[in-house]
């Protein structure tokens, strides 16, 4: 078993014959620690944004080519967007496209599937149109989705960036379309940009 772990880089054997953590295990552990820190730092910020917006907020990361919810806050109101930690969504649809938009161009190309799933009549399913939309999102620094994932949903996302400008997560506000005006969207964008800055600062960036 130790030999298998050694081949995978999870442990390495010293000259004395003892084993210690390998490079792969250290990288995995560092990544896991960073994600724990990310959630810990983001939770109170998500709550602050959610209370000010009076809408549901989420923190999402890229995982296995999808967006994955790793933290959330839901307001105390009867009608609200239901969020679920662990729920996945396509990167190519909705405001989670912001995660795709801030990837390195080569990585972005690899992450865009050949066939884009259609979730509603407003979902972008043309690859060229999606790439043009991603350029627009990157330039403006946020993404707004009107009914791309659910026709009754307005969703706004802003990237959380590392010190080198790479995207590590996205903060999001989701609201029922019937009560969301353009002025609300503008307010959500400002709240989310401030939240993203606070999360980055909390991580030391």
C-alpha atoms as a PDB file:
ATOM      1  CA  UNK A   1       0.000   0.000   0.000  1.00  0.00           C
ATOM      2  CA  UNK A   2       2.820   2.425   0.866  1.00  0.00           C
ATOM      3  CA  UNK A   3       4.408   1.755  -2.516  1.00  0.00           C
ATOM      4  CA  UNK A   4       1.128   2.681  -4.228  1.00  0.00           C
ATOM      5  CA  UNK A   5       0.949   5.910  -2.218  1.00  0.00           C
ATOM      6  CA  UNK A   6       4.588   6.610  -3.083  1.00  0.00           C
ATOM      7  CA  UNK A   7       3.923   6.180  -6.820  1.00  0.00           C
ATOM      8  CA  UNK A   8       1.076   8.679  -6.549  1.00  0.00           C
ATOM      9  CA  UNK A   9       3.240  11.197  -4.742  1.00  0.00           C
ATOM     10  CA  UNK A  10       1.233  11.013  -1.528  1.00  0.00           C
ATOM     11  CA  UNK A  11       4.190   9.773   0.536  1.00  0.00           C
ATOM     12  CA  UNK A  12       7.943   9.617  -0.036  1.00  0.00           C
ATOM     13  CA  UNK A  13      10.572   7.354   1.471  1.00  0.00           C
ATOM     14  CA  UNK A  14      13.589   8.834   3.227  1.00  0.00           C
ATOM     15  CA  UNK A  15      17.131   7.448   3.123  1.00  0.00           C
ATOM     16  CA  UNK A  16      16.509   6.002   6.593  1.00  0.00           C
ATOM     17  CA  UNK A  17      13.535   4.001   5.295  1.00  0.00           C
ATOM     18  CA  UNK A  18      10.838   6.078   6.980  1.00  0.00           C
ATOM     19  CA  UNK A  19       7.904   7.637   5.137  1.00  0.00           C
ATOM     20  CA  UNK A  20       6.680  11.213   5.141  1.00  0.00           C
ATOM     21  CA  UNK A  21       4.087  13.203   3.193  1.00  0.00           C
ATOM     22  CA  UNK A  22       4.825  13.536  -0.506  1.00  0.00           C
ATOM     23  CA  UNK A  23       4.468  16.589  -2.722  1.00  0.00           C
ATOM     24  CA  UNK A  24       1.025  15.591  -4.005  1.00  0.00           C
ATOM     25  CA  UNK A  25      -0.340  15.180  -0.481  1.00  0.00           C
ATOM     26  CA  UNK A  26       1.039  18.565   0.536  1.00  0.00           C
ATOM     27  CA  UNK A  27      -0.557  20.233  -2.494  1.00  0.00           C
ATOM     28  CA  UNK A  28      -3.901  18.547  -1.772  1.00  0.00           C
ATOM     29  CA  UNK A  29      -3.700  19.529   1.890  1.00  0.00           C
ATOM     30  CA  UNK A  30      -2.876  23.126   1.037  1.00  0.00           C
ATOM     31  CA  UNK A  31      -5.807  23.315  -1.395  1.00  0.00           C
ATOM     32  CA  UNK A  32      -8.183  21.855   1.189  1.00  0.00           C
ATOM     33  CA  UNK A  33      -6.921  24.277   3.836  1.00  0.00           C
ATOM     34  CA  UNK A  34      -7.403  27.207   1.458  1.00  0.00           C
ATOM     35  CA  UNK A  35     -10.995  26.153   0.762  1.00  0.00           C
ATOM     36  CA  UNK A  36     -11.730  25.861   4.496  1.00  0.00           C
ATOM     37  CA  UNK A  37     -10.294  29.356   5.014  1.00  0.00           C
ATOM     38  CA  UNK A  38     -12.313  30.623   2.056  1.00  0.00           C
ATOM     39  CA  UNK A  39     -15.599  29.385   3.530  1.00  0.00           C
ATOM     40  CA  UNK A  40     -14.736  30.608   7.036  1.00  0.00           C
ATOM     41  CA  UNK A  41     -13.890  34.082   5.773  1.00  0.00           C
ATOM     42  CA  UNK A  42     -16.786  34.266   3.318  1.00  0.00           C
ATOM     43  CA  UNK A  43     -19.628  33.163   5.612  1.00  0.00           C
ATOM     44  CA  UNK A  44     -20.053  36.410   7.606  1.00  0.00           C
ATOM     45  CA  UNK A  45     -19.562  38.451   4.427  1.00  0.00           C
ATOM     46  CA  UNK A  46     -22.260  36.449   2.620  1.00  0.00           C
ATOM     47  CA  UNK A  47     -24.578  37.062   5.559  1.00  0.00           C
ATOM     48  CA  UNK A  48     -23.842  40.795   5.494  1.00  0.00           C
ATOM     49  CA  UNK A  49     -24.589  41.015   1.762  1.00  0.00           C
ATOM     50  CA  UNK A  50     -27.683  38.832   2.120  1.00  0.00           C
ATOM     51  CA  UNK A  51     -29.109  40.990   4.883  1.00  0.00           C
ATOM     52  CA  UNK A  52     -28.478  44.207   2.964  1.00  0.00           C
ATOM     53  CA  UNK A  53     -29.902  42.786  -0.270  1.00  0.00           C
ATOM     54  CA  UNK A  54     -32.590  40.786   1.579  1.00  0.00           C
ATOM     55  CA  UNK A  55     -31.937  38.008  -0.935  1.00  0.00           C
ATOM     56  CA  UNK A  56     -30.059  34.710  -1.105  1.00  0.00           C
ATOM     57  CA  UNK A  57     -26.268  34.815  -1.445  1.00  0.00           C
ATOM     58  CA  UNK A  58     -23.845  32.076  -2.449  1.00  0.00           C
ATOM     59  CA  UNK A  59     -20.127  31.415  -2.753  1.00  0.00           C
ATOM     60  CA  UNK A  60     -19.225  29.189  -5.704  1.00  0.00           C
ATOM     61  CA  UNK A  61     -16.012  27.639  -6.966  1.00  0.00           C
ATOM     62  CA  UNK A  62     -15.025  25.661 -10.052  1.00  0.00           C
ATOM     63  CA  UNK A  63     -15.028  21.915  -9.405  1.00  0.00           C
ATOM     64  CA  UNK A  64     -14.772  19.235 -12.092  1.00  0.00           C
ATOM     65  CA  UNK A  65     -15.810  21.633 -14.827  1.00  0.00           C
ATOM     66  CA  UNK A  66     -18.903  22.904 -12.984  1.00  0.00           C
ATOM     67  CA  UNK A  67     -19.742  25.627 -10.501  1.00  0.00           C
ATOM     68  CA  UNK A  68     -20.152  24.257  -6.981  1.00  0.00           C
ATOM     69  CA  UNK A  69     -21.878  26.004  -4.069  1.00  0.00           C
ATOM     70  CA  UNK A  70     -19.652  25.824  -0.966  1.00  0.00           C
ATOM     71  CA  UNK A  71     -21.337  28.465   1.237  1.00  0.00           C
ATOM     72  CA  UNK A  72     -24.668  30.305   1.335  1.00  0.00           C
ATOM     73  CA  UNK A  73     -26.981  32.634   3.225  1.00  0.00           C
ATOM     74  CA  UNK A  74     -30.767  32.794   2.898  1.00  0.00           C
ATOM     75  CA  UNK A  75     -32.855  35.697   4.269  1.00  0.00           C
ATOM     76  CA  UNK A  76     -35.835  35.266   6.569  1.00  0.00           C
ATOM     77  CA  UNK A  77     -38.574  35.779   4.014  1.00  0.00           C
ATOM     78  CA  UNK A  78     -41.164  33.352   2.728  1.00  0.00           C
ATOM     79  CA  UNK A  79     -40.368  33.673  -0.975  1.00  0.00           C
ATOM     80  CA  UNK A  80     -36.657  33.437  -1.704  1.00  0.00           C
ATOM     81  CA  UNK A  81     -34.180  31.590  -3.898  1.00  0.00           C
ATOM     82  CA  UNK A  82     -33.381  28.198  -2.397  1.00  0.00           C
ATOM     83  CA  UNK A  83     -29.636  27.518  -2.289  1.00  0.00           C
ATOM     84  CA  UNK A  84     -27.984  24.231  -1.391  1.00  0.00           C
ATOM     85  CA  UNK A  85     -24.362  23.602  -0.445  1.00  0.00           C
ATOM     86  CA  UNK A  86     -23.010  20.978  -2.814  1.00  0.00           C
ATOM     87  CA  UNK A  87     -25.383  21.875  -5.643  1.00  0.00           C
ATOM     88  CA  UNK A  88     -23.726  22.047  -9.053  1.00  0.00           C
ATOM     89  CA  UNK A  89     -24.547  24.144 -12.088  1.00  0.00           C
ATOM     90  CA  UNK A  90     -23.001  24.399 -15.588  1.00  0.00           C
ATOM     91  CA  UNK A  91     -20.273  27.023 -15.888  1.00  0.00           C
ATOM     92  CA  UNK A  92     -21.655  28.059 -19.266  1.00  0.00           C
ATOM     93  CA  UNK A  93     -25.077  29.208 -18.022  1.00  0.00           C
ATOM     94  CA  UNK A  94     -26.305  31.887 -15.656  1.00  0.00           C
ATOM     95  CA  UNK A  95     -24.208  34.406 -13.792  1.00  0.00           C
ATOM     96  CA  UNK A  96     -21.750  31.660 -12.830  1.00  0.00           C
ATOM     97  CA  UNK A  97     -20.256  32.329 -16.263  1.00  0.00           C
ATOM     98  CA  UNK A  98     -18.173  34.879 -14.358  1.00  0.00           C
ATOM     99  CA  UNK A  99     -15.991  31.985 -13.161  1.00  0.00           C
ATOM    100  CA  UNK A 100     -15.404  30.931 -16.754  1.00  0.00           C
ATOM    101  CA  UNK A 101     -14.802  34.497 -17.909  1.00  0.00           C
ATOM    102  CA  UNK A 102     -11.853  35.070 -15.576  1.00  0.00           C
ATOM    103  CA  UNK A 103      -9.963  31.885 -16.434  1.00  0.00           C
ATOM    104  CA  UNK A 104      -6.813  31.986 -18.551  1.00  0.00           C
ATOM    105  CA  UNK A 105      -7.924  31.865 -22.224  1.00  0.00           C
ATOM    106  CA  UNK A 106      -6.372  28.432 -22.844  1.00  0.00           C
ATOM    107  CA  UNK A 107      -7.997  26.965 -19.741  1.00  0.00           C
ATOM    108  CA  UNK A 108     -11.276  28.664 -20.610  1.00  0.00           C
ATOM    109  CA  UNK A 109     -11.307  27.059 -24.055  1.00  0.00           C
ATOM    110  CA  UNK A 110     -10.775  23.629 -22.518  1.00  0.00           C
ATOM    111  CA  UNK A 111     -13.587  24.180 -20.012  1.00  0.00           C
ATOM    112  CA  UNK A 112     -16.247  25.108 -22.566  1.00  0.00           C
ATOM    113  CA  UNK A 113     -18.073  21.931 -23.647  1.00  0.00           C
ATOM    114  CA  UNK A 114     -18.640  21.186 -27.316  1.00  0.00           C
ATOM    115  CA  UNK A 115     -22.385  20.996 -26.694  1.00  0.00           C
ATOM    116  CA  UNK A 116     -23.727  23.737 -24.431  1.00  0.00           C
ATOM    117  CA  UNK A 117     -26.708  22.630 -22.313  1.00  0.00           C
ATOM    118  CA  UNK A 118     -29.965  24.542 -22.784  1.00  0.00           C
ATOM    119  CA  UNK A 119     -31.653  25.142 -19.426  1.00  0.00           C
ATOM    120  CA  UNK A 120     -34.180  27.760 -20.586  1.00  0.00           C
ATOM    121  CA  UNK A 121     -34.945  29.596 -23.809  1.00  0.00           C
ATOM    122  CA  UNK A 122     -32.505  32.319 -22.674  1.00  0.00           C
ATOM    123  CA  UNK A 123     -29.510  30.024 -22.202  1.00  0.00           C
ATOM    124  CA  UNK A 124     -26.657  30.696 -24.631  1.00  0.00           C
ATOM    125  CA  UNK A 125     -26.027  27.546 -26.674  1.00  0.00           C
ATOM    126  CA  UNK A 126     -23.827  28.984 -29.440  1.00  0.00           C
ATOM    127  CA  UNK A 127     -20.111  28.683 -28.633  1.00  0.00           C
ATOM    128  CA  UNK A 128     -19.072  31.880 -30.457  1.00  0.00           C
ATOM    129  CA  UNK A 129     -21.786  33.891 -28.704  1.00  0.00           C
ATOM    130  CA  UNK A 130     -20.709  32.479 -25.354  1.00  0.00           C
ATOM    131  CA  UNK A 131     -17.059  33.440 -25.910  1.00  0.00           C
ATOM    132  CA  UNK A 132     -18.122  36.978 -26.882  1.00  0.00           C
ATOM    133  CA  UNK A 133     -20.261  37.143 -23.738  1.00  0.00           C
ATOM    134  CA  UNK A 134     -17.333  35.969 -21.598  1.00  0.00           C
ATOM    135  CA  UNK A 135     -15.145  38.762 -23.003  1.00  0.00           C
ATOM    136  CA  UNK A 136     -17.848  41.283 -22.082  1.00  0.00           C
ATOM    137  CA  UNK A 137     -18.149  39.857 -18.566  1.00  0.00           C
ATOM    138  CA  UNK A 138     -14.390  40.022 -18.002  1.00  0.00           C
ATOM    139  CA  UNK A 139     -14.237  43.634 -19.172  1.00  0.00           C
ATOM    140  CA  UNK A 140     -17.106  44.800 -16.952  1.00  0.00           C
ATOM    141  CA  UNK A 141     -16.090  42.719 -13.929  1.00  0.00           C
ATOM    142  CA  UNK A 142     -19.452  41.090 -13.183  1.00  0.00           C
ATOM    143  CA  UNK A 143     -22.185  38.953 -14.737  1.00  0.00           C
ATOM    144  CA  UNK A 144     -25.961  39.402 -14.637  1.00  0.00           C
ATOM    145  CA  UNK A 145     -28.271  36.598 -15.731  1.00  0.00           C
ATOM    146  CA  UNK A 146     -31.951  37.060 -16.495  1.00  0.00           C
ATOM    147  CA  UNK A 147     -33.618  33.665 -16.668  1.00  0.00           C
ATOM    148  CA  UNK A 148     -30.707  31.646 -18.102  1.00  0.00           C
ATOM    149  CA  UNK A 149     -30.871  28.885 -15.487  1.00  0.00           C
ATOM    150  CA  UNK A 150     -34.446  29.395 -14.300  1.00  0.00           C
ATOM    151  CA  UNK A 151     -36.876  31.722 -16.052  1.00  0.00           C
ATOM    152  CA  UNK A 152     -38.044  33.091 -12.694  1.00  0.00           C
ATOM    153  CA  UNK A 153     -34.536  33.940 -11.489  1.00  0.00           C
ATOM    154  CA  UNK A 154     -32.283  36.989 -11.691  1.00  0.00           C
ATOM    155  CA  UNK A 155     -28.718  36.201 -10.701  1.00  0.00           C
ATOM    156  CA  UNK A 156     -25.695  38.477 -10.233  1.00  0.00           C
ATOM    157  CA  UNK A 157     -22.111  37.264  -9.687  1.00  0.00           C
ATOM    158  CA  UNK A 158     -18.734  38.914  -9.110  1.00  0.00           C
ATOM    159  CA  UNK A 159     -15.360  37.099  -9.116  1.00  0.00           C
ATOM    160  CA  UNK A 160     -13.163  36.702  -6.063  1.00  0.00           C
ATOM    161  CA  UNK A 161      -9.609  37.147  -7.306  1.00  0.00           C
ATOM    162  CA  UNK A 162      -6.223  36.049  -5.982  1.00  0.00           C
ATOM    163  CA  UNK A 163      -3.171  38.327  -5.805  1.00  0.00           C
ATOM    164  CA  UNK A 164      -2.215  37.435  -9.385  1.00  0.00           C
ATOM    165  CA  UNK A 165      -5.667  38.167 -10.806  1.00  0.00           C
ATOM    166  CA  UNK A 166      -6.688  34.526 -11.103  1.00  0.00           C
ATOM    167  CA  UNK A 167     -10.242  33.624 -10.125  1.00  0.00           C
ATOM    168  CA  UNK A 168     -10.709  31.481  -7.016  1.00  0.00           C
ATOM    169  CA  UNK A 169     -14.453  31.831  -6.452  1.00  0.00           C
ATOM    170  CA  UNK A 170     -17.547  33.890  -7.203  1.00  0.00           C
ATOM    171  CA  UNK A 171     -19.978  35.639  -4.869  1.00  0.00           C
ATOM    172  CA  UNK A 172     -23.584  35.686  -5.973  1.00  0.00           C
ATOM    173  CA  UNK A 173     -26.988  37.173  -5.242  1.00  0.00           C
ATOM    174  CA  UNK A 174     -30.033  35.351  -6.572  1.00  0.00           C
ATOM    175  CA  UNK A 175     -33.522  36.870  -6.487  1.00  0.00           C
ATOM    176  CA  UNK A 176     -37.006  36.175  -7.874  1.00  0.00           C
ATOM    177  CA  UNK A 177     -37.395  38.018 -11.179  1.00  0.00           C
ATOM    178  CA  UNK A 178     -40.824  39.487 -10.403  1.00  0.00           C
ATOM    179  CA  UNK A 179     -39.512  41.747  -7.622  1.00  0.00           C
ATOM    180  CA  UNK A 180     -36.070  42.584  -9.035  1.00  0.00           C
ATOM    181  CA  UNK A 181     -35.661  45.946 -10.763  1.00  0.00           C
ATOM    182  CA  UNK A 182     -32.609  47.307 -12.576  1.00  0.00           C
ATOM    183  CA  UNK A 183     -31.884  49.501  -9.559  1.00  0.00           C
ATOM    184  CA  UNK A 184     -31.769  46.338  -7.417  1.00  0.00           C
ATOM    185  CA  UNK A 185     -29.299  44.724  -9.814  1.00  0.00           C
ATOM    186  CA  UNK A 186     -27.057  47.805  -9.667  1.00  0.00           C
ATOM    187  CA  UNK A 187     -27.157  47.677  -5.863  1.00  0.00           C
ATOM    188  CA  UNK A 188     -26.343  43.951  -5.849  1.00  0.00           C
ATOM    189  CA  UNK A 189     -23.312  44.573  -8.072  1.00  0.00           C
ATOM    190  CA  UNK A 190     -21.916  47.166  -5.648  1.00  0.00           C
ATOM    191  CA  UNK A 191     -22.533  44.920  -2.635  1.00  0.00           C
ATOM    192  CA  UNK A 192     -20.894  41.940  -4.340  1.00  0.00           C
ATOM    193  CA  UNK A 193     -17.844  43.891  -5.506  1.00  0.00           C
ATOM    194  CA  UNK A 194     -17.285  45.050  -1.938  1.00  0.00           C
ATOM    195  CA  UNK A 195     -17.794  41.478  -0.676  1.00  0.00           C
ATOM    196  CA  UNK A 196     -15.292  40.072  -3.182  1.00  0.00           C
ATOM    197  CA  UNK A 197     -12.684  42.623  -2.077  1.00  0.00           C
ATOM    198  CA  UNK A 198     -13.244  41.729   1.583  1.00  0.00           C
ATOM    199  CA  UNK A 199     -12.888  37.997   0.928  1.00  0.00           C
ATOM    200  CA  UNK A 200      -9.688  38.522  -1.069  1.00  0.00           C
ATOM    201  CA  UNK A 201      -8.310  40.734   1.717  1.00  0.00           C
ATOM    202  CA  UNK A 202      -9.254  38.128   4.312  1.00  0.00           C
ATOM    203  CA  UNK A 203      -7.205  35.562   2.407  1.00  0.00           C
ATOM    204  CA  UNK A 204      -4.236  37.923   2.471  1.00  0.00           C
ATOM    205  CA  UNK A 205      -4.604  39.277  -1.051  1.00  0.00           C
END
